[in-house]
Amino acid sequence: MSSGSKTNRQGPGLGTAPIPGSNFAAGSAIDQSHAAAAAVRRRMFLGATFAAGAAALTACTAPAANPTAGAAGPDESATVPPEKPGDADLVVWADAKKAAAVAPVAAEFGTRWGIKVAVQTVGTNLQPNFITANQAGKGPDVLLAANDWIGNLVQNSAIDPVLISAEQRSAIAPIAMTAIEFNGQAYGVPYSMETLVLFRNQNLAPQAPASFEELVAIGQEARHSQGAERVLSLPVGTIGDAYHMQPVFSSAGGYIFGSAADGTPDPKDLGIGKPGSVEAAKLIAQYGETGNGVFSRSVTNDNYISLFTQGKIPFMVSGPWALADVAKAGFPFATSLIPGFEGKAPAQPFVGVNAFYVASKARNKVFAQEFVRTILTSPQAQRQLYDANPLPPSLSALADEISAQDKNIATVLQSAATGVPLPSIPAMNAVWAPLGNAFSSIIAGSAAESTIEQTGAAIRKAIG
């Protein structure tokens, strides 16, 4: 998708000024007036913003980190990325759903500055495709992706820091700001947040449970008295799901990484295999297939939402992406925070933050920085993004406005405020698969203590 000029073929240029106002049809006095205004804005931008932006970029450029053996690099088997359009001044890459949401904002930006903006969809392997294309100088200027990619992107020198003033920071949800920082610098402009909440079918569970034990009791009663098929729909599958198990794991005493002095995840403090994780693993085992059967490998990422929307399961752990499907199911439902175990810590789900990043080899860094700044400072732009793809916004004022209108979005934002950011450090790449497998194995009946301890040892060795 694209917007803006069909004749402006060059970016700001870093010395190559485009044809002013060419995004308007030629001929009428109004068009010429609009074109002249666009040209003035563009010249002002090129003259003033570039100088300021270049200085700022120089000031905040971070040293490139050295890749390590444990980091995920470009995937040679990745699908070939889209070819960069030669006639675009600014190119944005995103996945399919988010690309559609970004398109109207990009169109307005292009019109404002008299440039052509292309929004391209990369449906698969977005991260490795971006790293590979950027290294070759064939990538986009701006990338839209989740915050947990930041560590790997920085390690591959694929993105630049972005400037966010103290005033702008104060307008963003604190957890969203924390999520986009790495090594003490902001690397992205956050626009939305995703995390897990508890869905409940109010026909089977009228009231929200105060604890995980109460959730189980309500679910078991629904099975006995109302024919419910399961207590809970939470994806496990044969390979496990460390993301969806995080609320349970955290409440039961487990953690993945401790925090460094600056609050960022510390890869030297691995919690998997330590006593807290052992206790958590034992508790998870009690609710596994050889226990009371609340967790089951038959519930997978492919079927857990559809199992719940059939109306025969009282509870489901999922995120805002499931709201539309659940609403379509037709039964009354509500959302609430995922309850923790009685007498233990609160359940803390991971919080993923979607953010815009400036590519380190962007062809037009000035426009790229201006584009992400527009997302950061424009409530209208963030509202457009929300309307096109209703994910809870990271801009606090907009989040408050939407929460007043939508109680389920309000629940997601409340859950995000009490959650933990998805770890963005490269060491997390060594955690997801083995920890998920450990959970699946424990739920299947493997010895909880030895399984989690061996998993911790394997992860520690992989991290180095």
Foldseek 3Di string as FASTA:
>chain_A
DKAFAPQFQEALDVPDDTQFQRRFDDDDPVSVVLRVQLNVLQVCLSVPLVVVVVVVLVVQWDDFAADDPLFDAADPPDDAFDFDDRRFRFEEEDADLLLQLCHVVNNVLNSNNRTMYYYDHDHPPVPNNQLVCLVVLGHGQKYKDKLLQVQNCSNSVWFGFADADPVLCVQFQVQLQVSQDDPRTGFWFFWFKKWKWKKFQCVQPVDDDQAVVRLQVSQVVCCVPVVFPASEQFAQAQQAFCQSCQLLQVQQQFDAFDADPVRAGDLVRGRFQDPSNLSSLVVLLCCFPVHVHNDYNVRHPVCRLVSVLCPRYGMYMDIPVSVVVNVVSPGDMDIAHHHGHPPTDGGAHAMMTITMTGTSSHPHNSSSSVSSVCSSPPPVSSVSSCVSPPGQTRRVVVNVVVCVVDVRSVRRVVSSSRHHYDRNHSLCSLPGRLVSNLSSVSSVPPNRNVSRNVSSVSSSVSSD
